[in-house]
Amino acid sequence: MYEKMYCILFNAITDRLRETRNMNFGRAAFLLEEAQRQAEAVYLESAEEKTASSS
């Protein structure tokens, strides 16, 4: 789970730094927010699987 979250966020940050260098700040912020949502979904999905397996 943490590896997947790390990859999502690391790649998003790398890509968004490129957007920032190109002064496309609105797009960079939007894409970072999307990566944040993706990483959160991975975390929540993992938490749900753990809860379901312990029931």
N, C-alpha and C. Protein backbone atom coordinates (compact mmCIF):
# COMPACT_ATOMS: atom_id res chain seq x y z
N MET A 1 0.82 -1.18 0.00
CA MET A 1 0.00 0.00 0.00
C MET A 1 0.87 1.26 0.00
N TYR A 2 1.83 1.34 0.91
CA TYR A 2 2.64 2.56 0.99
C TYR A 2 3.51 2.74 -0.24
N GLU A 3 3.96 1.64 -0.83
CA GLU A 3 4.75 1.76 -2.06
C GLU A 3 3.91 2.39 -3.16
N LYS A 4 2.67 1.94 -3.29
CA LYS A 4 1.79 2.48 -4.32
C LYS A 4 1.50 3.96 -4.07
N MET A 5 1.24 4.31 -2.82
CA MET A 5 0.99 5.72 -2.48
C MET A 5 2.22 6.56 -2.77
N TYR A 6 3.40 6.04 -2.42
CA TYR A 6 4.65 6.76 -2.67
C TYR A 6 4.83 7.01 -4.16
N CYS A 7 4.62 5.99 -4.97
CA CYS A 7 4.78 6.13 -6.42
C CYS A 7 3.82 7.17 -6.99
N ILE A 8 2.58 7.13 -6.55
CA ILE A 8 1.60 8.11 -7.03
C ILE A 8 2.08 9.53 -6.70
N LEU A 9 2.44 9.74 -5.44
CA LEU A 9 2.82 11.10 -5.02
C LEU A 9 4.16 11.54 -5.60
N PHE A 10 5.15 10.64 -5.64
CA PHE A 10 6.46 11.01 -6.18
C PHE A 10 6.34 11.41 -7.65
N ASN A 11 5.64 10.59 -8.43
CA ASN A 11 5.49 10.89 -9.85
C ASN A 11 4.68 12.16 -10.07
N ALA A 12 3.66 12.36 -9.26
CA ALA A 12 2.86 13.57 -9.38
C ALA A 12 3.68 14.81 -9.08
N ILE A 13 4.47 14.75 -8.04
CA ILE A 13 5.30 15.90 -7.68
C ILE A 13 6.31 16.19 -8.78
N THR A 14 6.93 15.15 -9.32
CA THR A 14 7.90 15.34 -10.41
C THR A 14 7.24 16.01 -11.60
N ASP A 15 6.07 15.51 -12.00
CA ASP A 15 5.36 16.09 -13.14
C ASP A 15 4.91 17.51 -12.86
N ARG A 16 4.47 17.77 -11.65
CA ARG A 16 3.95 19.09 -11.32
C ARG A 16 5.05 20.13 -11.18
N LEU A 17 6.23 19.69 -10.80
CA LEU A 17 7.36 20.63 -10.79
C LEU A 17 7.64 21.13 -12.21
N ARG A 18 7.47 20.25 -13.17
CA ARG A 18 7.63 20.66 -14.57
C ARG A 18 6.58 21.71 -14.93
N GLU A 19 5.34 21.48 -14.51
CA GLU A 19 4.28 22.46 -14.77
C GLU A 19 4.61 23.80 -14.10
N THR A 20 5.14 23.73 -12.88
CA THR A 20 5.49 24.96 -12.16
C THR A 20 6.60 25.72 -12.89
N ARG A 21 7.60 24.97 -13.36
CA ARG A 21 8.68 25.63 -14.10
C ARG A 21 8.15 26.32 -15.35
N ASN A 22 7.10 25.77 -15.93
CA ASN A 22 6.49 26.38 -17.11
C ASN A 22 5.48 27.46 -16.72
N MET A 23 5.40 27.77 -15.43
CA MET A 23 4.52 28.79 -14.86
C MET A 23 3.05 28.48 -15.10
N ASN A 24 2.73 27.21 -15.17
CA ASN A 24 1.34 26.79 -15.31
C ASN A 24 0.86 26.37 -13.92
N PHE A 25 0.71 27.34 -13.04
CA PHE A 25 0.45 27.09 -11.62
C PHE A 25 -0.92 26.49 -11.36
N GLY A 26 -1.92 26.93 -12.09
CA GLY A 26 -3.26 26.40 -11.89
C GLY A 26 -3.32 24.92 -12.23
N ARG A 27 -2.71 24.53 -13.33
CA ARG A 27 -2.69 23.12 -13.72
C ARG A 27 -1.88 22.30 -12.73
N ALA A 28 -0.76 22.84 -12.29
CA ALA A 28 0.08 22.13 -11.31
C ALA A 28 -0.72 21.86 -10.03
N ALA A 29 -1.42 22.86 -9.55
CA ALA A 29 -2.22 22.68 -8.32
C ALA A 29 -3.32 21.65 -8.54
N PHE A 30 -4.01 21.71 -9.66
CA PHE A 30 -5.07 20.75 -9.96
C PHE A 30 -4.52 19.33 -9.98
N LEU A 31 -3.39 19.13 -10.63
CA LEU A 31 -2.82 17.79 -10.75
C LEU A 31 -2.31 17.27 -9.42
N LEU A 32 -1.78 18.14 -8.58
CA LEU A 32 -1.37 17.71 -7.24
C LEU A 32 -2.58 17.29 -6.41
N GLU A 33 -3.66 18.03 -6.53
CA GLU A 33 -4.88 17.65 -5.81
C GLU A 33 -5.39 16.30 -6.28
N GLU A 34 -5.31 16.03 -7.57
CA GLU A 34 -5.73 14.74 -8.11
C GLU A 34 -4.86 13.62 -7.55
N ALA A 35 -3.56 13.83 -7.49
CA ALA A 35 -2.66 12.82 -6.93
C ALA A 35 -2.97 12.59 -5.46
N GLN A 36 -3.30 13.65 -4.75
CA GLN A 36 -3.66 13.53 -3.34
C GLN A 36 -4.90 12.65 -3.19
N ARG A 37 -5.89 12.86 -4.05
CA ARG A 37 -7.11 12.04 -4.00
C ARG A 37 -6.81 10.58 -4.33
N GLN A 38 -5.93 10.34 -5.30
CA GLN A 38 -5.57 8.97 -5.66
C GLN A 38 -4.87 8.26 -4.51
N ALA A 39 -3.93 8.93 -3.89
CA ALA A 39 -3.20 8.33 -2.76
C ALA A 39 -4.15 8.07 -1.60
N GLU A 40 -5.06 8.98 -1.35
CA GLU A 40 -6.03 8.79 -0.28
C GLU A 40 -6.93 7.59 -0.58
N ALA A 41 -7.32 7.43 -1.83
CA ALA A 41 -8.16 6.30 -2.22
C ALA A 41 -7.43 4.98 -1.99
N VAL A 42 -6.14 4.93 -2.29
CA VAL A 42 -5.34 3.73 -2.04
C VAL A 42 -5.33 3.42 -0.55
N TYR A 43 -5.11 4.44 0.25
CA TYR A 43 -5.07 4.26 1.71
C TYR A 43 -6.41 3.75 2.24
N LEU A 44 -7.49 4.39 1.82
CA LEU A 44 -8.81 4.00 2.31
C LEU A 44 -9.19 2.60 1.84
N GLU A 45 -8.84 2.27 0.61
CA GLU A 45 -9.11 0.93 0.09
C GLU A 45 -8.38 -0.12 0.92
N SER A 46 -7.14 0.17 1.27
CA SER A 46 -6.35 -0.76 2.09
C SER A 46 -6.97 -0.90 3.48
N ALA A 47 -7.41 0.21 4.05
CA ALA A 47 -8.03 0.17 5.38
C ALA A 47 -9.32 -0.65 5.35
N GLU A 48 -10.09 -0.51 4.29
CA GLU A 48 -11.34 -1.27 4.15
C GLU A 48 -11.05 -2.76 4.02
N GLU A 49 -9.99 -3.10 3.26
CA GLU A 49 -9.62 -4.51 3.10
C GLU A 49 -9.19 -5.12 4.43
N LYS A 50 -8.44 -4.35 5.22
CA LYS A 50 -8.01 -4.83 6.53
C LYS A 50 -9.21 -5.04 7.45
N THR A 51 -10.16 -4.12 7.41
CA THR A 51 -11.35 -4.23 8.25
C THR A 51 -12.17 -5.45 7.82
N ALA A 52 -12.32 -5.64 6.53
CA ALA A 52 -13.11 -6.76 6.03
C ALA A 52 -12.45 -8.10 6.36
N SER A 53 -11.13 -8.16 6.30
CA SER A 53 -10.44 -9.42 6.57
C SER A 53 -10.41 -9.77 8.06
N SER A 54 -10.57 -8.76 8.92
CA SER A 54 -10.56 -9.03 10.36
C SER A 54 -11.96 -9.30 10.90
N SER A 55 -12.96 -9.18 10.04
CA SER A 55 -14.35 -9.43 10.48
C SER A 55 -14.71 -10.88 10.39
